[in-house]
Amino acid sequence: MQTLAVIDFETTGLSPGVGARATEIAVVLLRDGAIVGQYQSLMKTGARVPAFIEQLTGISNAMLAEAPEAGQVMRELANFTRGCPMVAHNAAFDRAFWQAEWLRAECEPDPEHQFICTLLLARRLYPEAENCKLGTLARHHRLPPTGRAHRALADAMTTAYLLLQMQADVKQRFAKQLAGQAVDHRLLQQMQRSSKSGLSRSVQQFGNTSATRPC
């Protein structure tokens, strides 16, 4: 049974490529349509939090001074997420920080850490939504409240609920093409690479390939 790791970072800036560092991370584990675990921690890196980021997230330099070292957090997460495919909203952002902090912590590569992006999927599945920001989609689907936006655990929980909504919607919308097959990470990866107009065909191709794959 597949376990997915839904992650969210809070950071000091937009990209590790320009020196930004993580300030907080949360991971929510999903298995068989249910939340089965969660992890949250602030991360001390020595990087300063700009005032506008502190205002946005509520995470201050004083809070980070008492936080665990980033390397310790990432090593704990290496165990917590071992073998789990990854999920994030705007995954390009979170994947960049995940990889940067992972390398700094000298963690062993995990080939299962392949990302799917609920932002890309939302653009294909919900063209009627006002936009594909996480908060907008949460209101659009009336997802359960999870706490303050721009804190890692609240955003990871919202993303987890959004993913569960997506899996249910895909299962219902493409029931004929899937013929009872699970809406798993491989299918969602294929769907996020598809165009809006080619979504049904992409699911059909996945269903045909899975049906003929040897056990």
C-alpha atoms as a PDB file:
ATOM      1  CA  MET A   1       0.000   0.000   0.000  1.00  0.00           C
ATOM      2  CA  GLN A   2       1.553   3.285  -1.153  1.00  0.00           C
ATOM      3  CA  THR A   3       2.413   5.989   1.390  1.00  0.00           C
ATOM      4  CA  LEU A   4       2.759   9.551   0.074  1.00  0.00           C
ATOM      5  CA  ALA A   5       4.699  12.288   1.864  1.00  0.00           C
ATOM      6  CA  VAL A   6       3.096  15.734   1.514  1.00  0.00           C
ATOM      7  CA  ILE A   7       5.618  18.446   2.360  1.00  0.00           C
ATOM      8  CA  ASP A   8       5.727  22.196   2.869  1.00  0.00           C
ATOM      9  CA  PHE A   9       8.641  24.526   3.621  1.00  0.00           C
ATOM     10  CA  GLU A  10       8.723  28.010   5.061  1.00  0.00           C
ATOM     11  CA  THR A  11      11.894  29.836   4.060  1.00  0.00           C
ATOM     12  CA  THR A  12      13.846  33.091   4.206  1.00  0.00           C
ATOM     13  CA  GLY A  13      13.371  33.714   0.483  1.00  0.00           C
ATOM     14  CA  LEU A  14      12.354  32.384  -2.899  1.00  0.00           C
ATOM     15  CA  SER A  15      15.259  30.126  -3.866  1.00  0.00           C
ATOM     16  CA  PRO A  16      18.242  28.350  -2.321  1.00  0.00           C
ATOM     17  CA  GLY A  17      20.070  29.387  -5.481  1.00  0.00           C
ATOM     18  CA  VAL A  18      20.216  32.964  -4.181  1.00  0.00           C
ATOM     19  CA  GLY A  19      21.080  32.018  -0.600  1.00  0.00           C
ATOM     20  CA  ALA A  20      17.629  31.457   0.906  1.00  0.00           C
ATOM     21  CA  ARG A  21      17.364  28.783   3.604  1.00  0.00           C
ATOM     22  CA  ALA A  22      14.553  26.816   5.173  1.00  0.00           C
ATOM     23  CA  THR A  23      13.033  28.025   8.439  1.00  0.00           C
ATOM     24  CA  GLU A  24      10.348  25.365   8.959  1.00  0.00           C
ATOM     25  CA  ILE A  25       9.231  22.099   7.396  1.00  0.00           C
ATOM     26  CA  ALA A  26       6.215  19.866   7.811  1.00  0.00           C
ATOM     27  CA  VAL A  27       5.457  16.461   6.326  1.00  0.00           C
ATOM     28  CA  VAL A  28       2.062  14.735   6.348  1.00  0.00           C
ATOM     29  CA  LEU A  29       1.922  11.039   5.441  1.00  0.00           C
ATOM     30  CA  LEU A  30      -1.072   9.736   3.472  1.00  0.00           C
ATOM     31  CA  ARG A  31      -1.923   6.088   2.978  1.00  0.00           C
ATOM     32  CA  ASP A  32      -5.107   4.523   1.621  1.00  0.00           C
ATOM     33  CA  GLY A  33      -6.960   7.837   1.702  1.00  0.00           C
ATOM     34  CA  ALA A  34      -6.111   8.701   5.303  1.00  0.00           C
ATOM     35  CA  ILE A  35      -3.540  10.769   7.205  1.00  0.00           C
ATOM     36  CA  VAL A  36      -1.318   8.279   9.036  1.00  0.00           C
ATOM     37  CA  GLY A  37       1.500  10.477  10.329  1.00  0.00           C
ATOM     38  CA  GLN A  38       2.919  13.962  10.541  1.00  0.00           C
ATOM     39  CA  TYR A  39       6.172  15.750  11.338  1.00  0.00           C
ATOM     40  CA  GLN A  40       6.823  19.458  11.925  1.00  0.00           C
ATOM     41  CA  SER A  41       9.890  21.371  13.030  1.00  0.00           C
ATOM     42  CA  LEU A  42      11.509  24.772  12.868  1.00  0.00           C
ATOM     43  CA  MET A  43      15.030  24.659  11.402  1.00  0.00           C
ATOM     44  CA  LYS A  44      18.063  26.605  12.582  1.00  0.00           C
ATOM     45  CA  THR A  45      20.414  27.460   9.706  1.00  0.00           C
ATOM     46  CA  GLY A  46      21.995  30.729  10.839  1.00  0.00           C
ATOM     47  CA  ALA A  47      20.225  32.622   8.055  1.00  0.00           C
ATOM     48  CA  ARG A  48      18.389  35.793   9.053  1.00  0.00           C
ATOM     49  CA  VAL A  49      14.631  36.056   8.550  1.00  0.00           C
ATOM     50  CA  PRO A  50      13.717  39.297   6.738  1.00  0.00           C
ATOM     51  CA  ALA A  51      11.082  41.421   8.453  1.00  0.00           C
ATOM     52  CA  PHE A  52       8.489  40.914   5.718  1.00  0.00           C
ATOM     53  CA  ILE A  53       8.913  37.121   5.927  1.00  0.00           C
ATOM     54  CA  GLU A  54       8.477  37.242   9.705  1.00  0.00           C
ATOM     55  CA  GLN A  55       5.289  39.249   9.205  1.00  0.00           C
ATOM     56  CA  LEU A  56       4.021  36.746   6.638  1.00  0.00           C
ATOM     57  CA  THR A  57       4.826  33.553   8.536  1.00  0.00           C
ATOM     58  CA  GLY A  58       5.099  34.586  12.162  1.00  0.00           C
ATOM     59  CA  ILE A  59       8.502  32.855  12.341  1.00  0.00           C
ATOM     60  CA  SER A  60      11.077  35.086  14.022  1.00  0.00           C
ATOM     61  CA  ASN A  61      14.846  34.974  14.376  1.00  0.00           C
ATOM     62  CA  ALA A  62      14.366  34.474  18.122  1.00  0.00           C
ATOM     63  CA  MET A  63      12.254  31.368  17.473  1.00  0.00           C
ATOM     64  CA  LEU A  64      14.879  29.915  15.142  1.00  0.00           C
ATOM     65  CA  ALA A  65      17.670  30.514  17.658  1.00  0.00           C
ATOM     66  CA  GLU A  66      16.048  27.822  19.837  1.00  0.00           C
ATOM     67  CA  ALA A  67      15.216  25.467  16.939  1.00  0.00           C
ATOM     68  CA  PRO A  68      16.962  22.176  16.070  1.00  0.00           C
ATOM     69  CA  GLU A  69      19.811  22.345  13.581  1.00  0.00           C
ATOM     70  CA  ALA A  70      18.631  21.966   9.985  1.00  0.00           C
ATOM     71  CA  GLY A  71      20.873  18.959   9.420  1.00  0.00           C
ATOM     72  CA  GLN A  72      19.349  17.138  12.370  1.00  0.00           C
ATOM     73  CA  VAL A  73      15.837  17.841  11.067  1.00  0.00           C
ATOM     74  CA  MET A  74      16.659  16.581   7.574  1.00  0.00           C
ATOM     75  CA  ARG A  75      18.268  13.411   8.899  1.00  0.00           C
ATOM     76  CA  GLU A  76      15.137  12.715  10.923  1.00  0.00           C
ATOM     77  CA  LEU A  77      13.057  13.300   7.800  1.00  0.00           C
ATOM     78  CA  ALA A  78      15.249  10.940   5.794  1.00  0.00           C
ATOM     79  CA  ASN A  79      13.950   8.161   8.052  1.00  0.00           C
ATOM     80  CA  PHE A  80      10.390   9.511   8.242  1.00  0.00           C
ATOM     81  CA  THR A  81       9.951   9.709   4.461  1.00  0.00           C
ATOM     82  CA  ARG A  82      12.064   6.736   3.374  1.00  0.00           C
ATOM     83  CA  GLY A  83      10.576   5.092   0.299  1.00  0.00           C
ATOM     84  CA  CYS A  84       7.744   7.623   0.007  1.00  0.00           C
ATOM     85  CA  PRO A  85       6.904   9.505  -3.202  1.00  0.00           C
ATOM     86  CA  MET A  86       6.571  13.249  -2.511  1.00  0.00           C
ATOM     87  CA  VAL A  87       3.769  15.771  -2.963  1.00  0.00           C
ATOM     88  CA  ALA A  88       3.807  19.571  -2.676  1.00  0.00           C
ATOM     89  CA  HIS A  89       1.822  22.576  -3.826  1.00  0.00           C
ATOM     90  CA  ASN A  90       4.072  24.454  -6.258  1.00  0.00           C
ATOM     91  CA  ALA A  91       6.479  21.553  -6.017  1.00  0.00           C
ATOM     92  CA  ALA A  92       9.320  23.296  -7.876  1.00  0.00           C
ATOM     93  CA  PHE A  93       9.736  25.587  -4.844  1.00  0.00           C
ATOM     94  CA  ASP A  94       9.637  22.878  -2.177  1.00  0.00           C
ATOM     95  CA  ARG A  95      11.699  20.406  -4.219  1.00  0.00           C
ATOM     96  CA  ALA A  96      14.505  22.975  -4.562  1.00  0.00           C
ATOM     97  CA  PHE A  97      14.692  23.514  -0.808  1.00  0.00           C
ATOM     98  CA  TRP A  98      14.286  19.797  -0.094  1.00  0.00           C
ATOM     99  CA  GLN A  99      17.230  18.964  -2.342  1.00  0.00           C
ATOM    100  CA  ALA A 100      19.390  21.826  -1.057  1.00  0.00           C
ATOM    101  CA  GLU A 101      18.851  21.039   2.631  1.00  0.00           C
ATOM    102  CA  TRP A 102      19.144  17.293   1.924  1.00  0.00           C
ATOM    103  CA  LEU A 103      22.587  17.799   0.360  1.00  0.00           C
ATOM    104  CA  ARG A 104      23.735  20.070   3.182  1.00  0.00           C
ATOM    105  CA  ALA A 105      22.750  17.361   5.673  1.00  0.00           C
ATOM    106  CA  GLU A 106      24.637  14.751   3.619  1.00  0.00           C
ATOM    107  CA  CYS A 107      21.634  12.432   3.515  1.00  0.00           C
ATOM    108  CA  GLU A 108      21.713   9.391   1.253  1.00  0.00           C
ATOM    109  CA  PRO A 109      19.699   9.817  -1.982  1.00  0.00           C
ATOM    110  CA  ASP A 110      16.257   8.205  -1.987  1.00  0.00           C
ATOM    111  CA  PRO A 111      15.150   7.275  -5.522  1.00  0.00           C
ATOM    112  CA  GLU A 112      11.505   7.176  -4.399  1.00  0.00           C
ATOM    113  CA  HIS A 113      11.490  10.918  -3.652  1.00  0.00           C
ATOM    114  CA  GLN A 114       9.805  11.839  -6.931  1.00  0.00           C
ATOM    115  CA  PHE A 115       7.511  14.877  -6.706  1.00  0.00           C
ATOM    116  CA  ILE A 116       4.013  15.517  -7.903  1.00  0.00           C
ATOM    117  CA  CYS A 117       2.620  19.049  -7.835  1.00  0.00           C
ATOM    118  CA  THR A 118      -0.938  19.771  -6.721  1.00  0.00           C
ATOM    119  CA  LEU A 119      -0.665  23.214  -8.349  1.00  0.00           C
ATOM    120  CA  LEU A 120      -0.045  21.677 -11.782  1.00  0.00           C
ATOM    121  CA  LEU A 121      -2.778  19.109 -11.220  1.00  0.00           C
ATOM    122  CA  ALA A 122      -5.255  21.804 -10.122  1.00  0.00           C
ATOM    123  CA  ARG A 123      -4.666  23.749 -13.344  1.00  0.00           C
ATOM    124  CA  ARG A 124      -5.727  20.669 -15.284  1.00  0.00           C
ATOM    125  CA  LEU A 125      -8.521  19.430 -13.047  1.00  0.00           C
ATOM    126  CA  TYR A 126     -10.186  22.653 -11.883  1.00  0.00           C
ATOM    127  CA  PRO A 127     -10.207  25.249 -14.676  1.00  0.00           C
ATOM    128  CA  GLU A 128     -13.335  26.754 -13.090  1.00  0.00           C
ATOM    129  CA  ALA A 129     -11.403  27.790  -9.941  1.00  0.00           C
ATOM    130  CA  GLU A 130     -10.649  31.506  -9.566  1.00  0.00           C
ATOM    131  CA  ASN A 131      -6.942  30.654  -9.391  1.00  0.00           C
ATOM    132  CA  CYS A 132      -4.794  27.778  -8.188  1.00  0.00           C
ATOM    133  CA  LYS A 133      -3.376  29.284  -5.012  1.00  0.00           C
ATOM    134  CA  LEU A 134      -3.617  26.866  -2.103  1.00  0.00           C
ATOM    135  CA  GLY A 135      -5.971  29.064  -0.074  1.00  0.00           C
ATOM    136  CA  THR A 136      -8.248  29.636  -3.067  1.00  0.00           C
ATOM    137  CA  LEU A 137      -8.488  25.905  -3.767  1.00  0.00           C
ATOM    138  CA  ALA A 138      -9.171  25.210  -0.094  1.00  0.00           C
ATOM    139  CA  ARG A 139     -12.144  27.589  -0.225  1.00  0.00           C
ATOM    140  CA  HIS A 140     -13.244  26.255  -3.619  1.00  0.00           C
ATOM    141  CA  HIS A 141     -13.467  22.707  -2.247  1.00  0.00           C
ATOM    142  CA  ARG A 142     -14.493  23.681   1.302  1.00  0.00           C
ATOM    143  CA  LEU A 143     -11.525  21.799   2.724  1.00  0.00           C
ATOM    144  CA  PRO A 144     -11.226  21.482   6.519  1.00  0.00           C
ATOM    145  CA  PRO A 145      -9.483  24.409   8.258  1.00  0.00           C
ATOM    146  CA  THR A 146      -5.922  23.597   9.280  1.00  0.00           C
ATOM    147  CA  GLY A 147      -4.603  26.725  11.000  1.00  0.00           C
ATOM    148  CA  ARG A 148      -2.592  29.762  10.007  1.00  0.00           C
ATOM    149  CA  ALA A 149      -1.596  29.932   6.346  1.00  0.00           C
ATOM    150  CA  HIS A 150       2.146  30.210   5.667  1.00  0.00           C
ATOM    151  CA  ARG A 151       3.000  27.893   8.534  1.00  0.00           C
ATOM    152  CA  ALA A 152       4.374  24.595   7.335  1.00  0.00           C
ATOM    153  CA  LEU A 153       2.069  22.148   9.080  1.00  0.00           C
ATOM    154  CA  ALA A 154      -1.109  24.075   8.249  1.00  0.00           C
ATOM    155  CA  ASP A 155      -0.122  24.323   4.574  1.00  0.00           C
ATOM    156  CA  ALA A 156       1.006  20.682   4.386  1.00  0.00           C
ATOM    157  CA  MET A 157      -2.289  19.552   5.929  1.00  0.00           C
ATOM    158  CA  THR A 158      -4.266  21.680   3.458  1.00  0.00           C
ATOM    159  CA  THR A 159      -2.236  20.222   0.585  1.00  0.00           C
ATOM    160  CA  ALA A 160      -2.923  16.716   1.922  1.00  0.00           C
ATOM    161  CA  TYR A 161      -6.666  17.389   2.010  1.00  0.00           C
ATOM    162  CA  LEU A 162      -6.463  18.844  -1.506  1.00  0.00           C
ATOM    163  CA  LEU A 163      -4.666  15.739  -2.760  1.00  0.00           C
ATOM    164  CA  LEU A 164      -7.345  13.489  -1.245  1.00  0.00           C
ATOM    165  CA  GLN A 165      -9.980  15.622  -2.997  1.00  0.00           C
ATOM    166  CA  MET A 166      -8.105  15.289  -6.280  1.00  0.00           C
ATOM    167  CA  GLN A 167      -7.790  11.522  -5.957  1.00  0.00           C
ATOM    168  CA  ALA A 168     -11.529  11.212  -5.298  1.00  0.00           C
ATOM    169  CA  ASP A 169     -12.388  13.515  -8.209  1.00  0.00           C
ATOM    170  CA  VAL A 170     -10.091  11.662 -10.629  1.00  0.00           C
ATOM    171  CA  LYS A 171     -11.505   8.317  -9.534  1.00  0.00           C
ATOM    172  CA  GLN A 172     -15.048   9.552 -10.171  1.00  0.00           C
ATOM    173  CA  ARG A 173     -14.392  11.558 -13.343  1.00  0.00           C
ATOM    174  CA  PHE A 174     -12.338   8.864 -15.074  1.00  0.00           C
ATOM    175  CA  ALA A 175     -13.997   5.756 -13.657  1.00  0.00           C
ATOM    176  CA  LYS A 176     -14.395   4.157 -17.071  1.00  0.00           C
ATOM    177  CA  GLN A 177     -10.778   4.687 -18.120  1.00  0.00           C
ATOM    178  CA  LEU A 178      -9.383   3.511 -14.786  1.00  0.00           C
ATOM    179  CA  ALA A 179     -11.637   0.460 -14.420  1.00  0.00           C
ATOM    180  CA  GLY A 180     -11.093   0.293 -10.685  1.00  0.00           C
ATOM    181  CA  GLN A 181      -7.361   1.047 -10.661  1.00  0.00           C
ATOM    182  CA  ALA A 182      -5.985   3.183  -7.856  1.00  0.00           C
ATOM    183  CA  VAL A 183      -5.292   6.883  -8.340  1.00  0.00           C
ATOM    184  CA  ASP A 184      -1.668   6.541  -7.314  1.00  0.00           C
ATOM    185  CA  HIS A 185       1.483   8.624  -7.586  1.00  0.00           C
ATOM    186  CA  ARG A 186       2.407   7.264 -11.037  1.00  0.00           C
ATOM    187  CA  LEU A 187      -0.956   8.240 -12.479  1.00  0.00           C
ATOM    188  CA  LEU A 188      -0.831  11.723 -10.970  1.00  0.00           C
ATOM    189  CA  GLN A 189       2.693  12.206 -12.349  1.00  0.00           C
ATOM    190  CA  GLN A 190       1.417  11.342 -15.813  1.00  0.00           C
ATOM    191  CA  MET A 191      -1.575  13.649 -15.436  1.00  0.00           C
ATOM    192  CA  GLN A 192       0.505  16.653 -14.410  1.00  0.00           C
ATOM    193  CA  ARG A 193       2.548  16.255 -17.602  1.00  0.00           C
ATOM    194  CA  SER A 194      -0.598  16.205 -19.723  1.00  0.00           C
ATOM    195  CA  SER A 195      -2.399  19.152 -21.275  1.00  0.00           C
ATOM    196  CA  LYS A 196      -5.922  20.014 -20.146  1.00  0.00           C
ATOM    197  CA  SER A 197      -7.352  18.800 -23.432  1.00  0.00           C
ATOM    198  CA  GLY A 198      -5.345  15.584 -23.314  1.00  0.00           C
ATOM    199  CA  LEU A 199      -6.188  14.639 -19.744  1.00  0.00           C
ATOM    200  CA  SER A 200      -8.743  11.943 -20.548  1.00  0.00           C
ATOM    201  CA  ARG A 201      -6.438  10.396 -23.150  1.00  0.00           C
ATOM    202  CA  SER A 202      -3.549  10.424 -20.687  1.00  0.00           C
ATOM    203  CA  VAL A 203      -5.613   8.580 -18.069  1.00  0.00           C
ATOM    204  CA  GLN A 204      -6.769   6.094 -20.709  1.00  0.00           C
ATOM    205  CA  GLN A 205      -3.186   5.404 -21.743  1.00  0.00           C
ATOM    206  CA  PHE A 206      -2.204   4.888 -18.116  1.00  0.00           C
ATOM    207  CA  GLY A 207      -5.108   2.489 -17.609  1.00  0.00           C
ATOM    208  CA  ASN A 208      -4.156   0.488 -20.697  1.00  0.00           C
ATOM    209  CA  THR A 209      -0.485   0.319 -19.700  1.00  0.00           C
ATOM    210  CA  SER A 210      -1.262  -0.700 -16.116  1.00  0.00           C
ATOM    211  CA  ALA A 211      -3.700  -3.376 -17.259  1.00  0.00           C
ATOM    212  CA  THR A 212      -1.022  -5.022 -19.400  1.00  0.00           C
ATOM    213  CA  ARG A 213       1.908  -4.600 -16.981  1.00  0.00           C
ATOM    214  CA  PRO A 214       3.099  -7.998 -15.701  1.00  0.00           C
ATOM    215  CA  CYS A 215       2.811  -8.680 -11.997  1.00  0.00           C
END
